Amino acid sequence: MAPFAQAEPLRIVGSSALFPFIVATAERFGYEMDTDTPVVESTGTGGGIKFFCSGITKAYPDMVTASRPMTPLEKAYCARHDVHEVTEIALGLDALVVARAREGLFFPLTVAQLRAAVQEASHLPTKWQEVSPTFPYEQIKVFLPPETAGTRETFEHLVLSKRGKCRKDGAVRSVADQEGVIARKLSLAPEAMGVLSYAFLIKNHDTLKAFHINGVSPTKHTITSGTYPLVRHVFLYVKTRALQDKEQVRAFVHYITSKQMEELLSTYGLLPLSPQEAAFRQRHLQSAETPRKEQGTP
């Protein structure tokens, strides 16, 4: 008999980049806690947050994973649908990589050169040699997740200028919000590049290889030290009321933020928080779990 008095299993939606790690965590949680395995759905960050924020009844999930922070507009959308308090929980570090099939040509890129290749402008280069004379005479072809994906939004934030947009002339192509789709396209087009999570690259290192960015290769050391330029935090968002009132939600949050999860994070290409960040997260969680006293309550 499960130790949690809940009619239905937990439901978690969100980031496709985090999907393999969250599925593995959910399966371990169900087994070790002798309870139903949480249902995990890969909806993409933007779509998952919208669903999460759309209501407080059991029709809507209490948790959403995100590969970038929730925006002010999303928080306002939450509030309009009675989701007034949301707890942000940093899970770890990930990085974005620009990768291609291992048999393709590789050359060192800078963030500025990548921006020149993919950002909308009055003059758009069609070959990499137009970006730098040292680059090969090769057509620019870059696969990106769709605009609703957290990976895409993070890429645009880290690479493009403040109000920049990705070009829409066919050199940059949006594909389904599943990193496996980008990987399959790269295997069929060795001259193309794709933007992926470091976690996905690690799981597919036998077929994919990353470009150096600003002279730095993405590795555990360069990501945690901050020398690799395309680094991001990844998050779990929880409805604060659910965290306070639902034992199973609280147990899952404690489980996924426990020290024992660091090994599983690494297995899926994610990196744990620094000790200082982990300590801050613990204090933040303890505060969020304690219901606030209403004004005038002794």
C-alpha atoms as a PDB file:
ATOM      1  CA  MET A   1       0.000   0.000   0.000  1.00  0.00           C
ATOM      2  CA  ALA A   2       1.359   3.422  -0.991  1.00  0.00           C
ATOM      3  CA  PRO A   3       2.304   5.711   1.906  1.00  0.00           C
ATOM      4  CA  PHE A   4       0.675   8.760   0.342  1.00  0.00           C
ATOM      5  CA  ALA A   5      -3.043   9.373   0.527  1.00  0.00           C
ATOM      6  CA  GLN A   6      -3.519  10.666  -3.008  1.00  0.00           C
ATOM      7  CA  ALA A   7      -6.021   9.344  -5.527  1.00  0.00           C
ATOM      8  CA  GLU A   8      -3.921  10.039  -8.609  1.00  0.00           C
ATOM      9  CA  PRO A   9      -0.154  10.014  -9.270  1.00  0.00           C
ATOM     10  CA  LEU A  10       1.753  13.257  -9.498  1.00  0.00           C
ATOM     11  CA  ARG A  11       1.861  14.892 -12.906  1.00  0.00           C
ATOM     12  CA  ILE A  12       4.907  16.795 -14.177  1.00  0.00           C
ATOM     13  CA  VAL A  13       5.034  18.624 -17.513  1.00  0.00           C
ATOM     14  CA  GLY A  14       7.668  20.782 -19.185  1.00  0.00           C
ATOM     15  CA  SER A  15      11.124  20.834 -20.721  1.00  0.00           C
ATOM     16  CA  SER A  16      11.995  18.257 -23.366  1.00  0.00           C
ATOM     17  CA  ALA A  17      15.695  18.735 -22.516  1.00  0.00           C
ATOM     18  CA  LEU A  18      15.013  17.656 -18.922  1.00  0.00           C
ATOM     19  CA  PHE A  19      12.566  14.900 -19.858  1.00  0.00           C
ATOM     20  CA  PRO A  20      14.993  11.893 -19.637  1.00  0.00           C
ATOM     21  CA  PHE A  21      16.303  12.970 -16.228  1.00  0.00           C
ATOM     22  CA  ILE A  22      12.821  13.654 -14.827  1.00  0.00           C
ATOM     23  CA  VAL A  23      11.494  10.306 -16.091  1.00  0.00           C
ATOM     24  CA  ALA A  24      14.382   8.464 -14.421  1.00  0.00           C
ATOM     25  CA  THR A  25      13.860  10.423 -11.197  1.00  0.00           C
ATOM     26  CA  ALA A  26      10.114   9.730 -11.230  1.00  0.00           C
ATOM     27  CA  GLU A  27      10.681   5.990 -11.691  1.00  0.00           C
ATOM     28  CA  ARG A  28      13.169   5.842  -8.805  1.00  0.00           C
ATOM     29  CA  PHE A  29      10.868   7.910  -6.599  1.00  0.00           C
ATOM     30  CA  GLY A  30       7.921   5.586  -7.277  1.00  0.00           C
ATOM     31  CA  TYR A  31       9.994   2.496  -6.534  1.00  0.00           C
ATOM     32  CA  GLU A  32      11.831   3.749  -3.458  1.00  0.00           C
ATOM     33  CA  MET A  33       8.778   5.422  -1.931  1.00  0.00           C
ATOM     34  CA  ASP A  34       6.458   2.506  -2.764  1.00  0.00           C
ATOM     35  CA  THR A  35       3.996   4.813  -4.509  1.00  0.00           C
ATOM     36  CA  ASP A  36       2.650   5.462  -7.988  1.00  0.00           C
ATOM     37  CA  THR A  37       5.291   6.679 -10.419  1.00  0.00           C
ATOM     38  CA  PRO A  38       4.665  10.328 -11.317  1.00  0.00           C
ATOM     39  CA  VAL A  39       3.410  10.894 -14.860  1.00  0.00           C
ATOM     40  CA  VAL A  40       5.946  12.928 -16.860  1.00  0.00           C
ATOM     41  CA  GLU A  41       5.033  14.711 -20.093  1.00  0.00           C
ATOM     42  CA  SER A  42       7.413  16.411 -22.518  1.00  0.00           C
ATOM     43  CA  THR A  43       5.542  19.564 -23.530  1.00  0.00           C
ATOM     44  CA  GLY A  44       8.419  21.998 -23.933  1.00  0.00           C
ATOM     45  CA  THR A  45       9.141  24.708 -21.378  1.00  0.00           C
ATOM     46  CA  GLY A  46       6.782  27.381 -22.711  1.00  0.00           C
ATOM     47  CA  GLY A  47       3.864  25.030 -23.301  1.00  0.00           C
ATOM     48  CA  GLY A  48       4.385  23.341 -19.959  1.00  0.00           C
ATOM     49  CA  ILE A  49       4.410  26.611 -18.024  1.00  0.00           C
ATOM     50  CA  LYS A  50       1.233  27.773 -19.737  1.00  0.00           C
ATOM     51  CA  PHE A  51      -0.526  24.519 -18.803  1.00  0.00           C
ATOM     52  CA  PHE A  52       0.856  24.635 -15.247  1.00  0.00           C
ATOM     53  CA  CYS A  53      -0.346  28.225 -14.824  1.00  0.00           C
ATOM     54  CA  SER A  54      -3.825  27.680 -16.286  1.00  0.00           C
ATOM     55  CA  GLY A  55      -5.568  26.602 -13.086  1.00  0.00           C
ATOM     56  CA  ILE A  56      -5.412  25.204  -9.571  1.00  0.00           C
ATOM     57  CA  THR A  57      -7.751  22.222  -9.912  1.00  0.00           C
ATOM     58  CA  LYS A  58      -6.532  18.639 -10.321  1.00  0.00           C
ATOM     59  CA  ALA A  59      -6.908  19.050 -14.097  1.00  0.00           C
ATOM     60  CA  TYR A  60      -3.657  21.017 -14.047  1.00  0.00           C
ATOM     61  CA  PRO A  61      -0.201  19.826 -12.955  1.00  0.00           C
ATOM     62  CA  ASP A  62       1.355  20.992  -9.686  1.00  0.00           C
ATOM     63  CA  MET A  63       4.885  20.906 -11.147  1.00  0.00           C
ATOM     64  CA  VAL A  64       6.601  21.992 -14.357  1.00  0.00           C
ATOM     65  CA  THR A  65      10.233  21.676 -15.413  1.00  0.00           C
ATOM     66  CA  ALA A  66      11.887  24.533 -17.282  1.00  0.00           C
ATOM     67  CA  SER A  67      15.184  24.973 -19.079  1.00  0.00           C
ATOM     68  CA  ARG A  68      15.121  28.735 -18.416  1.00  0.00           C
ATOM     69  CA  PRO A  69      13.582  30.989 -15.745  1.00  0.00           C
ATOM     70  CA  MET A  70       9.871  31.772 -15.778  1.00  0.00           C
ATOM     71  CA  THR A  71       9.244  35.194 -17.320  1.00  0.00           C
ATOM     72  CA  PRO A  72       7.301  38.100 -15.748  1.00  0.00           C
ATOM     73  CA  LEU A  73       4.589  37.618 -18.395  1.00  0.00           C
ATOM     74  CA  GLU A  74       4.232  33.954 -17.419  1.00  0.00           C
ATOM     75  CA  LYS A  75       4.009  34.857 -13.739  1.00  0.00           C
ATOM     76  CA  ALA A  76       1.283  37.365 -14.563  1.00  0.00           C
ATOM     77  CA  TYR A  77      -0.566  34.677 -16.552  1.00  0.00           C
ATOM     78  CA  CYS A  78      -0.329  32.395 -13.509  1.00  0.00           C
ATOM     79  CA  ALA A  79      -1.784  35.078 -11.248  1.00  0.00           C
ATOM     80  CA  ARG A  80      -4.700  35.710 -13.620  1.00  0.00           C
ATOM     81  CA  HIS A  81      -5.614  32.020 -13.272  1.00  0.00           C
ATOM     82  CA  ASP A  82      -5.420  31.961  -9.443  1.00  0.00           C
ATOM     83  CA  VAL A  83      -1.906  30.521  -9.325  1.00  0.00           C
ATOM     84  CA  HIS A  84      -0.647  33.293  -7.057  1.00  0.00           C
ATOM     85  CA  GLU A  85       2.426  31.697  -5.508  1.00  0.00           C
ATOM     86  CA  VAL A  86       4.984  29.589  -7.335  1.00  0.00           C
ATOM     87  CA  THR A  87       8.208  28.238  -5.838  1.00  0.00           C
ATOM     88  CA  GLU A  88      11.263  28.216  -8.105  1.00  0.00           C
ATOM     89  CA  ILE A  89      13.721  25.374  -7.477  1.00  0.00           C
ATOM     90  CA  ALA A  90      17.060  25.281  -9.299  1.00  0.00           C
ATOM     91  CA  LEU A  91      17.869  21.660 -10.148  1.00  0.00           C
ATOM     92  CA  GLY A  92      21.335  22.052 -11.616  1.00  0.00           C
ATOM     93  CA  LEU A  93      23.360  23.326 -14.537  1.00  0.00           C
ATOM     94  CA  ASP A  94      23.149  22.539 -18.220  1.00  0.00           C
ATOM     95  CA  ALA A  95      24.714  24.118 -21.275  1.00  0.00           C
ATOM     96  CA  LEU A  96      23.743  24.677 -24.868  1.00  0.00           C
ATOM     97  CA  VAL A  97      25.976  23.186 -27.511  1.00  0.00           C
ATOM     98  CA  VAL A  98      26.279  23.740 -31.232  1.00  0.00           C
ATOM     99  CA  ALA A  99      26.876  20.271 -32.626  1.00  0.00           C
ATOM    100  CA  ARG A 100      26.958  18.283 -35.841  1.00  0.00           C
ATOM    101  CA  ALA A 101      27.568  14.742 -37.005  1.00  0.00           C
ATOM    102  CA  ARG A 102      31.104  13.599 -36.181  1.00  0.00           C
ATOM    103  CA  GLU A 103      32.014  13.153 -39.857  1.00  0.00           C
ATOM    104  CA  GLY A 104      31.364  16.843 -40.581  1.00  0.00           C
ATOM    105  CA  LEU A 105      33.902  19.690 -40.704  1.00  0.00           C
ATOM    106  CA  PHE A 106      34.647  21.541 -37.461  1.00  0.00           C
ATOM    107  CA  PHE A 107      36.026  25.024 -36.951  1.00  0.00           C
ATOM    108  CA  PRO A 108      36.271  27.283 -33.879  1.00  0.00           C
ATOM    109  CA  LEU A 109      33.293  29.624 -33.438  1.00  0.00           C
ATOM    110  CA  THR A 110      32.802  32.705 -31.310  1.00  0.00           C
ATOM    111  CA  VAL A 111      29.455  33.859 -29.959  1.00  0.00           C
ATOM    112  CA  ALA A 112      29.720  36.918 -32.242  1.00  0.00           C
ATOM    113  CA  GLN A 113      30.300  34.746 -35.333  1.00  0.00           C
ATOM    114  CA  LEU A 114      27.388  32.506 -34.403  1.00  0.00           C
ATOM    115  CA  ARG A 115      25.210  35.609 -34.012  1.00  0.00           C
ATOM    116  CA  ALA A 116      26.315  36.880 -37.439  1.00  0.00           C
ATOM    117  CA  ALA A 117      25.249  33.578 -38.993  1.00  0.00           C
ATOM    118  CA  VAL A 118      21.825  33.153 -37.398  1.00  0.00           C
ATOM    119  CA  GLN A 119      20.478  36.628 -36.568  1.00  0.00           C
ATOM    120  CA  GLU A 120      18.154  38.552 -38.864  1.00  0.00           C
ATOM    121  CA  ALA A 121      20.033  41.437 -40.540  1.00  0.00           C
ATOM    122  CA  SER A 122      20.004  43.606 -43.666  1.00  0.00           C
ATOM    123  CA  HIS A 123      22.743  41.447 -45.171  1.00  0.00           C
ATOM    124  CA  LEU A 124      22.513  37.718 -44.501  1.00  0.00           C
ATOM    125  CA  PRO A 125      25.492  35.467 -45.220  1.00  0.00           C
ATOM    126  CA  THR A 126      24.670  32.251 -47.023  1.00  0.00           C
ATOM    127  CA  LYS A 127      28.075  30.558 -46.591  1.00  0.00           C
ATOM    128  CA  TRP A 128      30.219  30.256 -43.480  1.00  0.00           C
ATOM    129  CA  GLN A 129      33.140  31.783 -45.388  1.00  0.00           C
ATOM    130  CA  GLU A 130      31.165  35.033 -45.504  1.00  0.00           C
ATOM    131  CA  VAL A 131      31.182  35.076 -41.690  1.00  0.00           C
ATOM    132  CA  SER A 132      34.966  34.551 -41.556  1.00  0.00           C
ATOM    133  CA  PRO A 133      37.423  33.988 -44.445  1.00  0.00           C
ATOM    134  CA  THR A 134      39.005  31.181 -42.396  1.00  0.00           C
ATOM    135  CA  PHE A 135      35.752  29.205 -42.394  1.00  0.00           C
ATOM    136  CA  PRO A 136      34.878  26.615 -45.055  1.00  0.00           C
ATOM    137  CA  TYR A 137      32.857  27.428 -48.163  1.00  0.00           C
ATOM    138  CA  GLU A 138      29.881  25.634 -46.681  1.00  0.00           C
ATOM    139  CA  GLN A 139      26.202  26.562 -46.654  1.00  0.00           C
ATOM    140  CA  ILE A 140      24.857  27.893 -43.356  1.00  0.00           C
ATOM    141  CA  LYS A 141      22.230  25.469 -42.087  1.00  0.00           C
ATOM    142  CA  VAL A 142      21.283  25.475 -38.404  1.00  0.00           C
ATOM    143  CA  PHE A 143      18.514  23.445 -36.765  1.00  0.00           C
ATOM    144  CA  LEU A 144      16.851  24.954 -33.692  1.00  0.00           C
ATOM    145  CA  PRO A 145      13.997  23.872 -31.423  1.00  0.00           C
ATOM    146  CA  PRO A 146      10.729  25.825 -31.915  1.00  0.00           C
ATOM    147  CA  GLU A 147      10.203  29.260 -30.390  1.00  0.00           C
ATOM    148  CA  THR A 148       8.175  27.771 -27.504  1.00  0.00           C
ATOM    149  CA  ALA A 149      11.126  25.650 -26.344  1.00  0.00           C
ATOM    150  CA  GLY A 150      13.239  26.780 -23.406  1.00  0.00           C
ATOM    151  CA  THR A 151      16.398  25.729 -25.262  1.00  0.00           C
ATOM    152  CA  ARG A 152      15.493  28.060 -28.137  1.00  0.00           C
ATOM    153  CA  GLU A 153      14.679  30.943 -25.799  1.00  0.00           C
ATOM    154  CA  THR A 154      17.939  30.468 -23.900  1.00  0.00           C
ATOM    155  CA  PHE A 155      19.909  30.321 -27.148  1.00  0.00           C
ATOM    156  CA  GLU A 156      18.378  33.586 -28.344  1.00  0.00           C
ATOM    157  CA  HIS A 157      19.058  35.221 -24.967  1.00  0.00           C
ATOM    158  CA  LEU A 158      22.711  34.114 -24.852  1.00  0.00           C
ATOM    159  CA  VAL A 159      23.642  34.540 -28.524  1.00  0.00           C
ATOM    160  CA  LEU A 160      21.476  37.198 -30.183  1.00  0.00           C
ATOM    161  CA  SER A 161      21.561  40.933 -29.523  1.00  0.00           C
ATOM    162  CA  LYS A 162      18.984  42.325 -27.083  1.00  0.00           C
ATOM    163  CA  ARG A 163      16.165  42.734 -29.619  1.00  0.00           C
ATOM    164  CA  GLY A 164      17.561  40.316 -32.177  1.00  0.00           C
ATOM    165  CA  LYS A 165      15.531  37.605 -33.896  1.00  0.00           C
ATOM    166  CA  CYS A 166      16.594  34.487 -35.732  1.00  0.00           C
ATOM    167  CA  ARG A 167      16.617  34.783 -39.507  1.00  0.00           C
ATOM    168  CA  LYS A 168      13.696  33.218 -41.364  1.00  0.00           C
ATOM    169  CA  ASP A 169      15.118  32.665 -44.856  1.00  0.00           C
ATOM    170  CA  GLY A 170      15.647  28.922 -44.434  1.00  0.00           C
ATOM    171  CA  ALA A 171      19.229  28.977 -43.138  1.00  0.00           C
ATOM    172  CA  VAL A 172      17.862  28.622 -39.594  1.00  0.00           C
ATOM    173  CA  ARG A 173      15.157  25.999 -39.368  1.00  0.00           C
ATOM    174  CA  SER A 174      12.823  25.209 -36.484  1.00  0.00           C
ATOM    175  CA  VAL A 175      12.109  21.536 -35.866  1.00  0.00           C
ATOM    176  CA  ALA A 176       9.938  19.639 -33.392  1.00  0.00           C
ATOM    177  CA  ASP A 177      10.677  20.169 -29.713  1.00  0.00           C
ATOM    178  CA  GLN A 178      12.373  16.801 -29.358  1.00  0.00           C
ATOM    179  CA  GLU A 179      16.169  16.763 -29.408  1.00  0.00           C
ATOM    180  CA  GLY A 180      16.123  13.334 -31.034  1.00  0.00           C
ATOM    181  CA  VAL A 181      14.541  14.920 -34.114  1.00  0.00           C
ATOM    182  CA  ILE A 182      17.439  17.378 -34.435  1.00  0.00           C
ATOM    183  CA  ALA A 183      19.922  14.518 -33.977  1.00  0.00           C
ATOM    184  CA  ARG A 184      18.295  12.514 -36.769  1.00  0.00           C
ATOM    185  CA  LYS A 185      18.397  15.515 -39.097  1.00  0.00           C
ATOM    186  CA  LEU A 186      22.078  16.062 -38.320  1.00  0.00           C
ATOM    187  CA  SER A 187      22.852  12.429 -39.128  1.00  0.00           C
ATOM    188  CA  LEU A 188      21.256  12.920 -42.564  1.00  0.00           C
ATOM    189  CA  ALA A 189      22.953  16.274 -43.211  1.00  0.00           C
ATOM    190  CA  PRO A 190      26.583  16.285 -41.945  1.00  0.00           C
ATOM    191  CA  GLU A 191      27.001  19.873 -43.199  1.00  0.00           C
ATOM    192  CA  ALA A 192      24.253  21.130 -40.868  1.00  0.00           C
ATOM    193  CA  MET A 193      24.528  22.257 -37.241  1.00  0.00           C
ATOM    194  CA  GLY A 194      22.040  21.881 -34.432  1.00  0.00           C
ATOM    195  CA  VAL A 195      21.543  23.566 -31.075  1.00  0.00           C
ATOM    196  CA  LEU A 196      21.114  20.979 -28.327  1.00  0.00           C
ATOM    197  CA  SER A 197      21.522  20.578 -24.593  1.00  0.00           C
ATOM    198  CA  TYR A 198      24.854  19.373 -23.236  1.00  0.00           C
ATOM    199  CA  ALA A 199      22.881  16.604 -21.524  1.00  0.00           C
ATOM    200  CA  PHE A 200      21.681  15.304 -24.894  1.00  0.00           C
ATOM    201  CA  LEU A 201      25.166  15.573 -26.404  1.00  0.00           C
ATOM    202  CA  ILE A 202      26.618  13.402 -23.628  1.00  0.00           C
ATOM    203  CA  LYS A 203      24.047  10.678 -24.305  1.00  0.00           C
ATOM    204  CA  ASN A 204      24.870  10.796 -28.050  1.00  0.00           C
ATOM    205  CA  HIS A 205      28.610  11.475 -28.025  1.00  0.00           C
ATOM    206  CA  ASP A 206      29.253   8.521 -30.328  1.00  0.00           C
ATOM    207  CA  THR A 207      27.458  10.238 -33.240  1.00  0.00           C
ATOM    208  CA  LEU A 208      27.568  13.968 -32.371  1.00  0.00           C
ATOM    209  CA  LYS A 209      30.389  16.373 -31.598  1.00  0.00           C
ATOM    210  CA  ALA A 210      30.238  19.944 -30.300  1.00  0.00           C
ATOM    211  CA  PHE A 211      31.940  23.021 -31.714  1.00  0.00           C
ATOM    212  CA  HIS A 212      34.271  25.011 -29.489  1.00  0.00           C
ATOM    213  CA  ILE A 213      32.697  28.381 -28.606  1.00  0.00           C
ATOM    214  CA  ASN A 214      35.029  31.293 -27.818  1.00  0.00           C
ATOM    215  CA  GLY A 215      37.846  28.748 -27.852  1.00  0.00           C
ATOM    216  CA  VAL A 216      36.252  26.600 -25.132  1.00  0.00           C
ATOM    217  CA  SER A 217      34.899  23.072 -25.429  1.00  0.00           C
ATOM    218  CA  PRO A 218      31.800  22.209 -23.349  1.00  0.00           C
ATOM    219  CA  THR A 219      32.885  19.916 -20.520  1.00  0.00           C
ATOM    220  CA  LYS A 220      31.833  19.445 -16.907  1.00  0.00           C
ATOM    221  CA  HIS A 221      34.766  21.596 -15.801  1.00  0.00           C
ATOM    222  CA  THR A 222      34.217  24.468 -18.247  1.00  0.00           C
ATOM    223  CA  ILE A 223      30.469  24.528 -17.524  1.00  0.00           C
ATOM    224  CA  THR A 224      30.773  24.576 -13.732  1.00  0.00           C
ATOM    225  CA  SER A 225      33.661  27.065 -13.825  1.00  0.00           C
ATOM    226  CA  GLY A 226      31.741  29.411 -16.123  1.00  0.00           C
ATOM    227  CA  THR A 227      34.438  29.535 -18.809  1.00  0.00           C
ATOM    228  CA  TYR A 228      32.134  27.964 -21.397  1.00  0.00           C
ATOM    229  CA  PRO A 229      29.840  30.820 -22.511  1.00  0.00           C
ATOM    230  CA  LEU A 230      26.512  29.062 -23.158  1.00  0.00           C
ATOM    231  CA  VAL A 231      25.574  27.890 -19.642  1.00  0.00           C
ATOM    232  CA  ARG A 232      22.122  27.899 -18.032  1.00  0.00           C
ATOM    233  CA  HIS A 233      20.386  26.797 -14.846  1.00  0.00           C
ATOM    234  CA  VAL A 234      17.464  24.387 -15.161  1.00  0.00           C
ATOM    235  CA  PHE A 235      14.438  24.559 -12.879  1.00  0.00           C
ATOM    236  CA  LEU A 236      11.467  22.859 -11.304  1.00  0.00           C
ATOM    237  CA  TYR A 237       8.496  25.138 -10.559  1.00  0.00           C
ATOM    238  CA  VAL A 238       5.953  24.035  -7.959  1.00  0.00           C
ATOM    239  CA  LYS A 239       2.663  25.588  -6.911  1.00  0.00           C
ATOM    240  CA  THR A 240       3.483  26.762  -3.396  1.00  0.00           C
ATOM    241  CA  ARG A 241       0.103  25.765  -1.995  1.00  0.00           C
ATOM    242  CA  ALA A 242       0.626  22.219  -3.309  1.00  0.00           C
ATOM    243  CA  LEU A 243       4.095  22.150  -1.750  1.00  0.00           C
ATOM    244  CA  GLN A 244       2.561  23.089   1.606  1.00  0.00           C
ATOM    245  CA  ASP A 245      -0.600  20.973   1.479  1.00  0.00           C
ATOM    246  CA  LYS A 246       0.292  17.814  -0.489  1.00  0.00           C
ATOM    247  CA  GLU A 247       2.627  15.357   1.183  1.00  0.00           C
ATOM    248  CA  GLN A 248       3.476  13.590  -2.083  1.00  0.00           C
ATOM    249  CA  VAL A 249       4.454  16.839  -3.833  1.00  0.00           C
ATOM    250  CA  ARG A 250       6.643  17.773  -0.891  1.00  0.00           C
ATOM    251  CA  ALA A 251       8.226  14.301  -0.824  1.00  0.00           C
ATOM    252  CA  PHE A 252       9.063  14.446  -4.536  1.00  0.00           C
ATOM    253  CA  VAL A 253      10.643  17.901  -4.187  1.00  0.00           C
ATOM    254  CA  HIS A 254      12.745  16.678  -1.257  1.00  0.00           C
ATOM    255  CA  TYR A 255      13.750  13.614  -3.278  1.00  0.00           C
ATOM    256  CA  ILE A 256      14.799  15.453  -6.451  1.00  0.00           C
ATOM    257  CA  THR A 257      16.824  18.008  -4.465  1.00  0.00           C
ATOM    258  CA  SER A 258      18.561  15.436  -2.261  1.00  0.00           C
ATOM    259  CA  LYS A 259      22.309  14.785  -2.363  1.00  0.00           C
ATOM    260  CA  GLN A 260      21.708  11.313  -3.811  1.00  0.00           C
ATOM    261  CA  MET A 261      20.332  12.856  -7.002  1.00  0.00           C
ATOM    262  CA  GLU A 262      23.697  14.354  -7.965  1.00  0.00           C
ATOM    263  CA  GLU A 263      24.862  11.053  -9.445  1.00  0.00           C
ATOM    264  CA  LEU A 264      21.687  10.759 -11.525  1.00  0.00           C
ATOM    265  CA  LEU A 265      22.075  14.370 -12.686  1.00  0.00           C
ATOM    266  CA  SER A 266      25.557  13.523 -13.958  1.00  0.00           C
ATOM    267  CA  THR A 267      24.311  10.364 -15.662  1.00  0.00           C
ATOM    268  CA  TYR A 268      22.026  12.522 -17.780  1.00  0.00           C
ATOM    269  CA  GLY A 269      24.636  15.165 -18.572  1.00  0.00           C
ATOM    270  CA  LEU A 270      23.437  17.695 -16.007  1.00  0.00           C
ATOM    271  CA  LEU A 271      25.660  19.167 -13.316  1.00  0.00           C
ATOM    272  CA  PRO A 272      24.815  19.708  -9.643  1.00  0.00           C
ATOM    273  CA  LEU A 273      24.605  23.122  -8.034  1.00  0.00           C
ATOM    274  CA  SER A 274      27.575  24.481  -6.139  1.00  0.00           C
ATOM    275  CA  PRO A 275      27.489  23.836  -2.368  1.00  0.00           C
ATOM    276  CA  GLN A 276      26.571  27.491  -1.833  1.00  0.00           C
ATOM    277  CA  GLU A 277      23.686  27.322  -4.311  1.00  0.00           C
ATOM    278  CA  ALA A 278      22.468  24.029  -2.834  1.00  0.00           C
ATOM    279  CA  ALA A 279      22.472  25.524   0.676  1.00  0.00           C
ATOM    280  CA  PHE A 280      20.503  28.536  -0.547  1.00  0.00           C
ATOM    281  CA  ARG A 281      18.013  26.209  -2.250  1.00  0.00           C
ATOM    282  CA  GLN A 282      17.499  24.301   0.977  1.00  0.00           C
ATOM    283  CA  ARG A 283      16.783  27.478   2.943  1.00  0.00           C
ATOM    284  CA  HIS A 284      14.452  28.702   0.191  1.00  0.00           C
ATOM    285  CA  LEU A 285      12.510  25.421   0.245  1.00  0.00           C
ATOM    286  CA  GLN A 286      12.142  25.416   4.008  1.00  0.00           C
ATOM    287  CA  SER A 287      10.717  28.922   3.840  1.00  0.00           C
ATOM    288  CA  ALA A 288       8.320  28.059   0.973  1.00  0.00           C
ATOM    289  CA  GLU A 289       6.993  24.989   2.804  1.00  0.00           C
ATOM    290  CA  THR A 290       5.938  27.029   5.818  1.00  0.00           C
ATOM    291  CA  PRO A 291       2.492  28.611   5.311  1.00  0.00           C
ATOM    292  CA  ARG A 292       2.463  32.331   5.932  1.00  0.00           C
ATOM    293  CA  LYS A 293       0.329  33.526   8.813  1.00  0.00           C
ATOM    294  CA  GLU A 294      -2.465  35.791   7.687  1.00  0.00           C
ATOM    295  CA  GLN A 295      -2.284  39.348   8.890  1.00  0.00           C
ATOM    296  CA  GLY A 296      -3.725  39.624  12.407  1.00  0.00           C
ATOM    297  CA  THR A 297      -3.162  35.941  13.195  1.00  0.00           C
ATOM    298  CA  PRO A 298      -1.317  35.520  16.531  1.00  0.00           C
END
